Amino acid sequence: MKNVTGLFDNYSTAKQVVTDLEAIGIPSDDISIVTHDANRETDAAGGATAGAGIGAMIGGAGGLLAGLGILAIPGVGPVVAAGWLAATAAGAAGGAVVGAATGGLIGALMNEGVSEEDAHLYAEGVRRGGTLVSAKVPDNKHAQAQQILTRASMVNVDDRRRRYTDEGWQRFDPDAKPYSVDEIESERLRYR
């Protein structure tokens, strides 16, 4: 098994990537999606979730997308997530869904072969409103799965890292203030 991981500026693109990965036979259990919950109100400290509002955002009725739930990641804020990555991050917080440790997200990615440098970039990308898709794929489907992510215009991590570091960013900071909805919208506009 190998890992394919991509960051997307657009949730609907990432959602299509998940669908395409499932279509080539990658089991839902081997795919993860983590997206910033920028358009929902979530009380991370109190553990309240967005409730019915999530259903409107998800838009999927089956497979991995049917299992989306809320996690609160320090420095990111509320995220909508599903799959092995979400379960691992939640497990890092002793099984609690809300309050999952950022180390769980970064650590889970690193355990699947993502470099520490890229794991920090992916966490920062989600903090800024992006959507992360990561899948465990058999060796014989690795090239096909990677092609799906590439064809979907995933973020070029080297270019994005350069942009972030030009602004003074060095690595993901779990103590950073999460981006507001307005800040996320502004960030998304930069890459359209």
N, C-alpha and C. Protein backbone atom coordinates (compact mmCIF):
# COMPACT_ATOMS: atom_id res chain seq x y z
N MET A 1 0.84 -1.19 0.00
CA MET A 1 0.00 0.00 0.00
C MET A 1 0.88 1.25 0.00
N LYS A 2 0.45 2.22 -0.79
CA LYS A 2 1.10 3.51 -0.84
C LYS A 2 0.07 4.57 -0.52
N ASN A 3 0.54 5.78 -0.25
CA ASN A 3 -0.35 6.88 0.07
C ASN A 3 -0.34 7.90 -1.06
N VAL A 4 -1.51 8.42 -1.41
CA VAL A 4 -1.61 9.58 -2.29
C VAL A 4 -2.34 10.65 -1.49
N THR A 5 -1.82 11.86 -1.52
CA THR A 5 -2.40 12.95 -0.75
C THR A 5 -2.39 14.21 -1.58
N GLY A 6 -3.47 14.95 -1.51
CA GLY A 6 -3.56 16.20 -2.23
C GLY A 6 -4.37 17.22 -1.46
N LEU A 7 -3.98 18.48 -1.60
CA LEU A 7 -4.70 19.60 -1.02
C LEU A 7 -5.41 20.31 -2.16
N PHE A 8 -6.66 20.68 -1.92
CA PHE A 8 -7.47 21.34 -2.93
C PHE A 8 -8.05 22.63 -2.37
N ASP A 9 -8.08 23.66 -3.21
CA ASP A 9 -8.64 24.94 -2.78
C ASP A 9 -10.16 24.93 -2.83
N ASN A 10 -10.72 23.96 -3.53
CA ASN A 10 -12.15 23.92 -3.76
C ASN A 10 -12.71 22.60 -3.22
N TYR A 11 -13.67 22.68 -2.31
CA TYR A 11 -14.25 21.49 -1.71
C TYR A 11 -14.90 20.59 -2.76
N SER A 12 -15.62 21.19 -3.70
CA SER A 12 -16.32 20.36 -4.68
C SER A 12 -15.34 19.56 -5.54
N THR A 13 -14.17 20.11 -5.82
CA THR A 13 -13.15 19.37 -6.56
C THR A 13 -12.66 18.18 -5.73
N ALA A 14 -12.39 18.43 -4.46
CA ALA A 14 -11.93 17.34 -3.58
C ALA A 14 -13.00 16.26 -3.44
N LYS A 15 -14.24 16.67 -3.34
CA LYS A 15 -15.35 15.71 -3.25
C LYS A 15 -15.39 14.82 -4.50
N GLN A 16 -15.15 15.42 -5.67
CA GLN A 16 -15.13 14.65 -6.92
C GLN A 16 -13.95 13.68 -6.93
N VAL A 17 -12.81 14.10 -6.38
CA VAL A 17 -11.63 13.23 -6.29
C VAL A 17 -11.99 11.99 -5.46
N VAL A 18 -12.67 12.19 -4.33
CA VAL A 18 -13.08 11.05 -3.51
C VAL A 18 -13.96 10.10 -4.32
N THR A 19 -14.92 10.66 -5.03
CA THR A 19 -15.81 9.85 -5.86
C THR A 19 -15.02 9.08 -6.93
N ASP A 20 -14.06 9.75 -7.56
CA ASP A 20 -13.25 9.11 -8.60
C ASP A 20 -12.36 8.01 -8.02
N LEU A 21 -11.82 8.22 -6.83
CA LEU A 21 -11.02 7.18 -6.19
C LEU A 21 -11.88 5.96 -5.86
N GLU A 22 -13.08 6.20 -5.36
CA GLU A 22 -13.99 5.09 -5.09
C GLU A 22 -14.34 4.36 -6.38
N ALA A 23 -14.48 5.10 -7.48
CA ALA A 23 -14.86 4.50 -8.77
C ALA A 23 -13.79 3.56 -9.32
N ILE A 24 -12.51 3.77 -8.96
CA ILE A 24 -11.46 2.85 -9.43
C ILE A 24 -11.23 1.71 -8.45
N GLY A 25 -12.09 1.63 -7.43
CA GLY A 25 -12.02 0.49 -6.52
C GLY A 25 -11.28 0.73 -5.22
N ILE A 26 -10.97 1.98 -4.90
CA ILE A 26 -10.34 2.25 -3.60
C ILE A 26 -11.46 2.24 -2.56
N PRO A 27 -11.38 1.36 -1.56
CA PRO A 27 -12.46 1.30 -0.57
C PRO A 27 -12.57 2.60 0.23
N SER A 28 -13.79 2.96 0.59
CA SER A 28 -14.03 4.16 1.38
C SER A 28 -13.20 4.17 2.66
N ASP A 29 -12.99 3.00 3.24
CA ASP A 29 -12.21 2.90 4.47
C ASP A 29 -10.76 3.35 4.28
N ASP A 30 -10.29 3.37 3.04
CA ASP A 30 -8.90 3.75 2.76
C ASP A 30 -8.76 5.18 2.25
N ILE A 31 -9.85 5.94 2.26
CA ILE A 31 -9.84 7.32 1.79
C ILE A 31 -10.25 8.24 2.93
N SER A 32 -9.60 9.39 3.01
CA SER A 32 -9.95 10.40 4.00
C SER A 32 -10.13 11.75 3.34
N ILE A 33 -11.00 12.54 3.93
CA ILE A 33 -11.20 13.91 3.48
C ILE A 33 -11.33 14.78 4.74
N VAL A 34 -10.63 15.91 4.73
CA VAL A 34 -10.68 16.86 5.84
C VAL A 34 -10.84 18.24 5.21
N THR A 35 -11.90 18.94 5.55
CA THR A 35 -12.14 20.26 5.00
C THR A 35 -12.51 21.23 6.10
N HIS A 36 -12.10 22.46 5.96
CA HIS A 36 -12.42 23.48 6.95
C HIS A 36 -13.91 23.74 6.94
N ASP A 37 -14.48 23.86 8.09
CA ASP A 37 -15.92 24.08 8.23
C ASP A 37 -16.22 25.58 8.24
N ALA A 38 -15.65 26.30 7.29
CA ALA A 38 -15.72 27.76 7.27
C ALA A 38 -17.12 28.32 7.10
N ASN A 39 -18.01 27.55 6.53
CA ASN A 39 -19.35 28.06 6.27
C ASN A 39 -20.38 27.60 7.28
N ARG A 40 -19.93 27.05 8.36
CA ARG A 40 -20.84 26.55 9.39
C ARG A 40 -20.44 27.15 10.73
N GLU A 41 -21.41 27.25 11.60
CA GLU A 41 -21.13 27.69 12.97
C GLU A 41 -20.96 26.45 13.83
N THR A 42 -19.81 26.32 14.47
CA THR A 42 -19.56 25.17 15.32
C THR A 42 -18.94 25.66 16.62
N ASP A 43 -19.47 25.21 17.73
CA ASP A 43 -18.91 25.56 19.02
C ASP A 43 -17.95 24.45 19.41
N ALA A 44 -16.67 24.60 19.03
CA ALA A 44 -15.68 23.55 19.26
C ALA A 44 -15.45 23.32 20.75
N ALA A 45 -15.44 24.39 21.53
CA ALA A 45 -15.17 24.26 22.95
C ALA A 45 -16.29 23.51 23.65
N GLY A 46 -17.53 23.79 23.25
CA GLY A 46 -18.66 23.15 23.89
C GLY A 46 -19.04 21.83 23.28
N GLY A 47 -18.49 21.52 22.13
CA GLY A 47 -18.77 20.24 21.51
C GLY A 47 -20.02 20.22 20.65
N ALA A 48 -20.66 21.38 20.46
CA ALA A 48 -21.86 21.40 19.62
C ALA A 48 -21.43 21.31 18.16
N THR A 49 -22.23 20.61 17.36
CA THR A 49 -21.91 20.49 15.94
C THR A 49 -22.89 21.28 15.11
N ALA A 50 -22.60 21.40 13.85
CA ALA A 50 -23.42 22.20 12.95
C ALA A 50 -24.74 21.55 12.62
N GLY A 51 -24.93 20.32 12.99
CA GLY A 51 -26.21 19.66 12.80
C GLY A 51 -26.63 19.57 11.35
N ALA A 52 -27.84 19.98 11.07
CA ALA A 52 -28.39 19.83 9.73
C ALA A 52 -27.62 20.59 8.67
N GLY A 53 -26.89 21.63 9.05
CA GLY A 53 -26.12 22.40 8.07
C GLY A 53 -25.07 21.57 7.36
N ILE A 54 -24.53 20.57 8.01
CA ILE A 54 -23.51 19.73 7.39
C ILE A 54 -24.10 18.99 6.20
N GLY A 55 -25.32 18.52 6.34
CA GLY A 55 -25.94 17.77 5.25
C GLY A 55 -25.97 18.56 3.96
N ALA A 56 -26.21 19.86 4.05
CA ALA A 56 -26.24 20.70 2.86
C ALA A 56 -24.86 20.81 2.23
N MET A 57 -23.82 20.86 3.05
CA MET A 57 -22.46 21.01 2.52
C MET A 57 -21.97 19.71 1.89
N ILE A 58 -22.30 18.59 2.51
CA ILE A 58 -21.78 17.31 2.06
C ILE A 58 -22.26 16.98 0.66
N GLY A 59 -23.55 16.97 0.46
CA GLY A 59 -24.09 16.73 -0.86
C GLY A 59 -23.89 15.32 -1.37
N GLY A 60 -23.34 14.43 -0.59
CA GLY A 60 -23.14 13.05 -1.02
C GLY A 60 -23.99 12.13 -0.17
N ALA A 61 -24.51 11.08 -0.76
CA ALA A 61 -25.39 10.20 0.00
C ALA A 61 -24.75 8.86 0.31
N GLY A 62 -23.63 8.54 -0.30
CA GLY A 62 -23.07 7.22 -0.09
C GLY A 62 -21.58 7.25 0.05
N GLY A 63 -21.01 6.08 0.27
CA GLY A 63 -19.56 5.95 0.38
C GLY A 63 -19.00 6.76 1.53
N LEU A 64 -17.77 7.18 1.35
CA LEU A 64 -17.05 7.92 2.38
C LEU A 64 -17.80 9.19 2.77
N LEU A 65 -18.34 9.91 1.82
CA LEU A 65 -18.95 11.20 2.09
C LEU A 65 -20.17 11.11 2.99
N ALA A 66 -20.77 9.95 3.12
CA ALA A 66 -21.90 9.78 4.01
C ALA A 66 -21.47 9.76 5.47
N GLY A 67 -20.18 9.55 5.74
CA GLY A 67 -19.70 9.43 7.10
C GLY A 67 -19.03 10.68 7.65
N LEU A 68 -19.23 11.82 7.02
CA LEU A 68 -18.57 13.04 7.48
C LEU A 68 -19.08 13.46 8.85
N GLY A 69 -18.17 13.98 9.67
CA GLY A 69 -18.50 14.49 10.98
C GLY A 69 -17.61 15.67 11.31
N ILE A 70 -17.79 16.23 12.50
CA ILE A 70 -17.04 17.41 12.92
C ILE A 70 -15.88 17.03 13.84
N LEU A 71 -14.73 17.64 13.60
CA LEU A 71 -13.58 17.59 14.50
C LEU A 71 -13.19 19.03 14.79
N ALA A 72 -12.63 19.29 15.93
CA ALA A 72 -12.05 20.60 16.21
C ALA A 72 -10.55 20.40 16.33
N ILE A 73 -9.80 21.06 15.49
CA ILE A 73 -8.35 20.92 15.49
C ILE A 73 -7.74 22.23 15.98
N PRO A 74 -6.94 22.17 17.05
CA PRO A 74 -6.31 23.40 17.54
C PRO A 74 -5.53 24.11 16.44
N GLY A 75 -5.76 25.41 16.34
CA GLY A 75 -5.09 26.21 15.32
C GLY A 75 -5.83 26.23 14.00
N VAL A 76 -6.71 25.27 13.77
CA VAL A 76 -7.50 25.21 12.55
C VAL A 76 -8.93 25.62 12.85
N GLY A 77 -9.47 25.11 13.94
CA GLY A 77 -10.87 25.30 14.27
C GLY A 77 -11.66 24.10 13.81
N PRO A 78 -12.96 24.27 13.61
CA PRO A 78 -13.79 23.13 13.22
C PRO A 78 -13.52 22.70 11.79
N VAL A 79 -13.46 21.39 11.60
CA VAL A 79 -13.32 20.81 10.27
C VAL A 79 -14.37 19.73 10.11
N VAL A 80 -14.75 19.50 8.87
CA VAL A 80 -15.62 18.39 8.54
C VAL A 80 -14.69 17.32 7.99
N ALA A 81 -14.78 16.10 8.54
CA ALA A 81 -13.81 15.07 8.17
C ALA A 81 -14.45 13.69 8.16
N ALA A 82 -13.84 12.81 7.37
CA ALA A 82 -14.26 11.41 7.33
C ALA A 82 -13.07 10.55 6.93
N GLY A 83 -13.12 9.29 7.31
CA GLY A 83 -12.10 8.34 6.89
C GLY A 83 -11.07 8.06 7.95
N TRP A 84 -10.07 7.28 7.55
CA TRP A 84 -9.04 6.82 8.48
C TRP A 84 -8.27 7.97 9.11
N LEU A 85 -8.05 9.05 8.37
CA LEU A 85 -7.31 10.19 8.89
C LEU A 85 -8.08 10.87 10.02
N ALA A 86 -9.38 11.03 9.84
CA ALA A 86 -10.22 11.62 10.87
C ALA A 86 -10.25 10.72 12.11
N ALA A 87 -10.37 9.41 11.89
CA ALA A 87 -10.41 8.48 13.01
C ALA A 87 -9.09 8.49 13.78
N THR A 88 -7.97 8.57 13.08
CA THR A 88 -6.66 8.61 13.72
C THR A 88 -6.49 9.90 14.51
N ALA A 89 -6.89 11.03 13.92
CA ALA A 89 -6.78 12.31 14.61
C ALA A 89 -7.65 12.33 15.85
N ALA A 90 -8.86 11.81 15.73
CA ALA A 90 -9.76 11.75 16.89
C ALA A 90 -9.20 10.81 17.95
N GLY A 91 -8.60 9.70 17.53
CA GLY A 91 -8.00 8.76 18.46
C GLY A 91 -6.86 9.36 19.24
N ALA A 92 -6.16 10.32 18.64
CA ALA A 92 -5.05 10.99 19.32
C ALA A 92 -5.54 11.82 20.49
N ALA A 93 -6.83 12.12 20.49
CA ALA A 93 -7.41 12.89 21.58
C ALA A 93 -8.16 11.97 22.54
N GLY A 94 -7.74 10.72 22.61
CA GLY A 94 -8.36 9.78 23.54
C GLY A 94 -9.75 9.34 23.10
N GLY A 95 -10.00 9.40 21.78
CA GLY A 95 -11.30 8.97 21.29
C GLY A 95 -12.31 10.09 21.17
N ALA A 96 -12.00 11.26 21.73
CA ALA A 96 -12.94 12.38 21.64
C ALA A 96 -12.93 12.94 20.24
N VAL A 97 -14.12 13.15 19.69
CA VAL A 97 -14.19 13.69 18.34
C VAL A 97 -13.82 15.16 18.35
N VAL A 98 -14.41 15.93 19.26
CA VAL A 98 -14.09 17.35 19.32
C VAL A 98 -12.86 17.52 20.20
N GLY A 99 -11.91 18.34 19.75
CA GLY A 99 -10.69 18.58 20.49
C GLY A 99 -9.54 17.70 20.05
N ALA A 100 -9.65 17.10 18.89
CA ALA A 100 -8.58 16.22 18.40
C ALA A 100 -7.27 16.99 18.29
N ALA A 101 -6.20 16.36 18.68
CA ALA A 101 -4.89 17.01 18.68
C ALA A 101 -4.37 17.16 17.26
N THR A 102 -3.79 18.31 16.98
CA THR A 102 -3.20 18.54 15.66
C THR A 102 -2.12 17.53 15.39
N GLY A 103 -1.38 17.16 16.43
CA GLY A 103 -0.36 16.14 16.26
C GLY A 103 -0.94 14.87 15.68
N GLY A 104 -2.22 14.61 15.95
CA GLY A 104 -2.87 13.45 15.39
C GLY A 104 -2.99 13.55 13.89
N LEU A 105 -3.36 14.71 13.37
CA LEU A 105 -3.48 14.91 11.93
C LEU A 105 -2.10 14.85 11.26
N ILE A 106 -1.17 15.60 11.78
CA ILE A 106 0.18 15.62 11.21
C ILE A 106 0.84 14.25 11.38
N GLY A 107 0.70 13.68 12.56
CA GLY A 107 1.29 12.37 12.83
C GLY A 107 0.70 11.27 11.96
N ALA A 108 -0.62 11.31 11.75
CA ALA A 108 -1.27 10.30 10.91
C ALA A 108 -0.76 10.39 9.47
N LEU A 109 -0.61 11.60 8.96
CA LEU A 109 -0.07 11.77 7.61
C LEU A 109 1.36 11.24 7.53
N MET A 110 2.18 11.58 8.53
CA MET A 110 3.57 11.14 8.54
C MET A 110 3.66 9.61 8.62
N ASN A 111 2.77 8.99 9.39
CA ASN A 111 2.76 7.53 9.50
C ASN A 111 2.45 6.86 8.17
N GLU A 112 1.80 7.59 7.27
CA GLU A 112 1.47 7.04 5.95
C GLU A 112 2.47 7.47 4.89
N GLY A 113 3.61 8.02 5.30
CA GLY A 113 4.68 8.32 4.36
C GLY A 113 4.75 9.76 3.88
N VAL A 114 3.87 10.63 4.38
CA VAL A 114 3.94 12.05 4.04
C VAL A 114 5.06 12.67 4.87
N SER A 115 5.91 13.46 4.22
CA SER A 115 7.01 14.08 4.96
C SER A 115 6.46 15.04 6.01
N GLU A 116 7.22 15.26 7.06
CA GLU A 116 6.80 16.19 8.11
C GLU A 116 6.55 17.58 7.52
N GLU A 117 7.43 18.00 6.63
CA GLU A 117 7.30 19.32 5.99
C GLU A 117 5.97 19.43 5.25
N ASP A 118 5.61 18.40 4.48
CA ASP A 118 4.35 18.43 3.75
C ASP A 118 3.15 18.30 4.70
N ALA A 119 3.27 17.49 5.74
CA ALA A 119 2.17 17.34 6.69
C ALA A 119 1.83 18.69 7.33
N HIS A 120 2.85 19.46 7.67
CA HIS A 120 2.61 20.79 8.23
C HIS A 120 1.94 21.71 7.21
N LEU A 121 2.38 21.62 5.96
CA LEU A 121 1.78 22.42 4.90
C LEU A 121 0.31 22.05 4.71
N TYR A 122 0.00 20.76 4.70
CA TYR A 122 -1.38 20.32 4.53
C TYR A 122 -2.25 20.83 5.68
N ALA A 123 -1.75 20.74 6.92
CA ALA A 123 -2.53 21.24 8.06
C ALA A 123 -2.76 22.75 7.93
N GLU A 124 -1.75 23.49 7.50
CA GLU A 124 -1.91 24.93 7.30
C GLU A 124 -2.89 25.21 6.16
N GLY A 125 -2.83 24.40 5.11
CA GLY A 125 -3.77 24.57 4.00
C GLY A 125 -5.21 24.39 4.44
N VAL A 126 -5.47 23.40 5.29
CA VAL A 126 -6.82 23.21 5.82
C VAL A 126 -7.19 24.39 6.71
N ARG A 127 -6.25 24.86 7.51
CA ARG A 127 -6.49 26.03 8.37
C ARG A 127 -6.95 27.22 7.54
N ARG A 128 -6.40 27.36 6.35
CA ARG A 128 -6.70 28.50 5.49
C ARG A 128 -7.88 28.24 4.55
N GLY A 129 -8.61 27.14 4.80
CA GLY A 129 -9.84 26.90 4.07
C GLY A 129 -9.77 25.82 3.01
N GLY A 130 -8.64 25.14 2.90
CA GLY A 130 -8.50 24.09 1.89
C GLY A 130 -9.14 22.78 2.31
N THR A 131 -9.10 21.83 1.39
CA THR A 131 -9.63 20.49 1.64
C THR A 131 -8.54 19.48 1.31
N LEU A 132 -8.29 18.58 2.25
CA LEU A 132 -7.25 17.56 2.11
C LEU A 132 -7.90 16.22 1.80
N VAL A 133 -7.37 15.54 0.78
CA VAL A 133 -7.79 14.18 0.47
C VAL A 133 -6.55 13.31 0.56
N SER A 134 -6.66 12.20 1.28
CA SER A 134 -5.55 11.27 1.40
C SER A 134 -6.10 9.85 1.30
N ALA A 135 -5.41 9.02 0.54
CA ALA A 135 -5.89 7.65 0.33
C ALA A 135 -4.74 6.67 0.41
N LYS A 136 -5.03 5.52 1.00
CA LYS A 136 -4.13 4.39 1.00
C LYS A 136 -4.52 3.54 -0.20
N VAL A 137 -3.59 3.34 -1.11
CA VAL A 137 -3.92 2.62 -2.35
C VAL A 137 -2.94 1.47 -2.57
N PRO A 138 -3.42 0.39 -3.18
CA PRO A 138 -2.51 -0.71 -3.50
C PRO A 138 -1.49 -0.25 -4.54
N ASP A 139 -0.33 -0.86 -4.52
CA ASP A 139 0.75 -0.50 -5.45
C ASP A 139 0.26 -0.46 -6.89
N ASN A 140 -0.57 -1.43 -7.28
CA ASN A 140 -0.99 -1.51 -8.67
C ASN A 140 -2.00 -0.41 -9.07
N LYS A 141 -2.51 0.36 -8.11
CA LYS A 141 -3.44 1.46 -8.41
C LYS A 141 -2.84 2.82 -8.06
N HIS A 142 -1.59 2.82 -7.60
CA HIS A 142 -0.96 4.07 -7.16
C HIS A 142 -0.90 5.10 -8.28
N ALA A 143 -0.40 4.72 -9.45
CA ALA A 143 -0.26 5.67 -10.56
C ALA A 143 -1.63 6.21 -10.98
N GLN A 144 -2.62 5.35 -11.04
CA GLN A 144 -3.96 5.77 -11.44
C GLN A 144 -4.56 6.74 -10.40
N ALA A 145 -4.37 6.43 -9.13
CA ALA A 145 -4.88 7.30 -8.07
C ALA A 145 -4.17 8.65 -8.08
N GLN A 146 -2.86 8.63 -8.27
CA GLN A 146 -2.09 9.88 -8.32
C GLN A 146 -2.55 10.72 -9.50
N GLN A 147 -2.84 10.06 -10.61
CA GLN A 147 -3.32 10.78 -11.80
C GLN A 147 -4.66 11.46 -11.53
N ILE A 148 -5.53 10.83 -10.76
CA ILE A 148 -6.81 11.43 -10.41
C ILE A 148 -6.59 12.73 -9.64
N LEU A 149 -5.70 12.71 -8.66
CA LEU A 149 -5.42 13.92 -7.89
C LEU A 149 -4.79 15.00 -8.75
N THR A 150 -3.85 14.61 -9.58
CA THR A 150 -3.15 15.58 -10.44
C THR A 150 -4.11 16.19 -11.46
N ARG A 151 -4.91 15.36 -12.08
CA ARG A 151 -5.88 15.84 -13.08
C ARG A 151 -6.88 16.81 -12.46
N ALA A 152 -7.15 16.65 -11.18
CA ALA A 152 -8.11 17.51 -10.48
C ALA A 152 -7.49 18.82 -10.01
N SER A 153 -6.26 19.08 -10.43
CA SER A 153 -5.58 20.34 -10.09
C SER A 153 -5.37 20.53 -8.60
N MET A 154 -4.78 19.50 -8.00
CA MET A 154 -4.43 19.65 -6.59
C MET A 154 -3.39 20.77 -6.46
N VAL A 155 -3.29 21.32 -5.26
CA VAL A 155 -2.34 22.38 -4.97
C VAL A 155 -0.92 21.87 -5.18
N ASN A 156 -0.10 22.66 -5.86
CA ASN A 156 1.32 22.35 -5.97
C ASN A 156 1.96 22.73 -4.63
N VAL A 157 2.39 21.72 -3.86
CA VAL A 157 2.87 21.99 -2.51
C VAL A 157 4.11 22.87 -2.49
N ASP A 158 4.98 22.73 -3.47
CA ASP A 158 6.18 23.57 -3.49
C ASP A 158 5.82 25.04 -3.72
N ASP A 159 4.92 25.30 -4.66
CA ASP A 159 4.48 26.67 -4.91
C ASP A 159 3.76 27.26 -3.71
N ARG A 160 2.86 26.45 -3.12
CA ARG A 160 2.11 26.95 -1.97
C ARG A 160 3.03 27.19 -0.78
N ARG A 161 4.00 26.30 -0.57
CA ARG A 161 4.96 26.49 0.53
C ARG A 161 5.71 27.80 0.33
N ARG A 162 6.12 28.05 -0.92
CA ARG A 162 6.83 29.30 -1.23
C ARG A 162 5.97 30.52 -0.89
N ARG A 163 4.71 30.47 -1.26
CA ARG A 163 3.81 31.59 -0.97
C ARG A 163 3.66 31.79 0.53
N TYR A 164 3.47 30.71 1.25
CA TYR A 164 3.33 30.80 2.70
C TYR A 164 4.60 31.33 3.36
N THR A 165 5.75 30.78 2.97
CA THR A 165 7.01 31.20 3.60
C THR A 165 7.36 32.64 3.23
N ASP A 166 6.96 33.09 2.05
CA ASP A 166 7.18 34.49 1.68
C ASP A 166 6.43 35.43 2.62
N GLU A 167 5.37 34.91 3.25
CA GLU A 167 4.58 35.68 4.21
C GLU A 167 5.09 35.49 5.65
N GLY A 168 6.15 34.71 5.82
CA GLY A 168 6.72 34.50 7.14
C GLY A 168 6.34 33.18 7.81
N TRP A 169 5.52 32.37 7.15
CA TRP A 169 5.10 31.09 7.72
C TRP A 169 6.28 30.12 7.72
N GLN A 170 6.40 29.32 8.80
CA GLN A 170 7.45 28.31 8.88
C GLN A 170 6.91 26.90 9.01
N ARG A 171 5.90 26.74 9.85
CA ARG A 171 5.27 25.45 10.05
C ARG A 171 3.92 25.67 10.72
N PHE A 172 3.09 24.65 10.69
CA PHE A 172 1.77 24.77 11.30
C PHE A 172 1.91 25.02 12.79
N ASP A 173 1.13 25.96 13.32
CA ASP A 173 1.16 26.31 14.73
C ASP A 173 -0.20 26.00 15.34
N PRO A 174 -0.29 24.96 16.17
CA PRO A 174 -1.58 24.61 16.77
C PRO A 174 -2.09 25.67 17.73
N ASP A 175 -1.24 26.60 18.14
CA ASP A 175 -1.66 27.67 19.04
C ASP A 175 -2.11 28.92 18.29
N ALA A 176 -2.02 28.89 16.96
CA ALA A 176 -2.43 30.04 16.16
C ALA A 176 -3.95 30.20 16.24
N LYS A 177 -4.38 31.44 16.06
CA LYS A 177 -5.81 31.72 16.03
C LYS A 177 -6.38 31.17 14.71
N PRO A 178 -7.45 30.39 14.79
CA PRO A 178 -8.05 29.89 13.55
C PRO A 178 -8.50 31.04 12.65
N TYR A 179 -8.50 30.81 11.36
CA TYR A 179 -8.97 31.80 10.40
C TYR A 179 -10.48 32.00 10.56
N SER A 180 -10.92 33.23 10.42
CA SER A 180 -12.35 33.52 10.42
C SER A 180 -12.91 33.17 9.04
N VAL A 181 -14.23 33.16 8.93
CA VAL A 181 -14.87 32.89 7.65
C VAL A 181 -14.42 33.92 6.62
N ASP A 182 -14.34 35.20 7.01
CA ASP A 182 -13.90 36.25 6.08
C ASP A 182 -12.45 36.05 5.65
N GLU A 183 -11.58 35.67 6.59
CA GLU A 183 -10.17 35.42 6.24
C GLU A 183 -10.04 34.24 5.28
N ILE A 184 -10.84 33.21 5.50
CA ILE A 184 -10.80 32.05 4.62
C ILE A 184 -11.29 32.43 3.23
N GLU A 185 -12.35 33.20 3.15
CA GLU A 185 -12.84 33.62 1.84
C GLU A 185 -11.80 34.45 1.10
N SER A 186 -11.12 35.32 1.82
CA SER A 186 -10.06 36.12 1.24
C SER A 186 -8.91 35.23 0.73
N GLU A 187 -8.57 34.23 1.52
CA GLU A 187 -7.51 33.28 1.14
C GLU A 187 -7.92 32.51 -0.11
N ARG A 188 -9.16 32.06 -0.15
CA ARG A 188 -9.63 31.30 -1.31
C ARG A 188 -9.60 32.15 -2.59
N LEU A 189 -9.93 33.42 -2.45
CA LEU A 189 -9.92 34.32 -3.62
C LEU A 189 -8.53 34.47 -4.20
N ARG A 190 -7.49 34.35 -3.38
CA ARG A 190 -6.11 34.47 -3.85
C ARG A 190 -5.75 33.40 -4.88
N TYR A 191 -6.41 32.27 -4.80
CA TYR A 191 -6.03 31.13 -5.65
C TYR A 191 -7.03 30.80 -6.74
N ARG A 192 -8.00 31.64 -6.93
CA ARG A 192 -9.00 31.41 -7.99
C ARG A 192 -8.47 31.90 -9.31
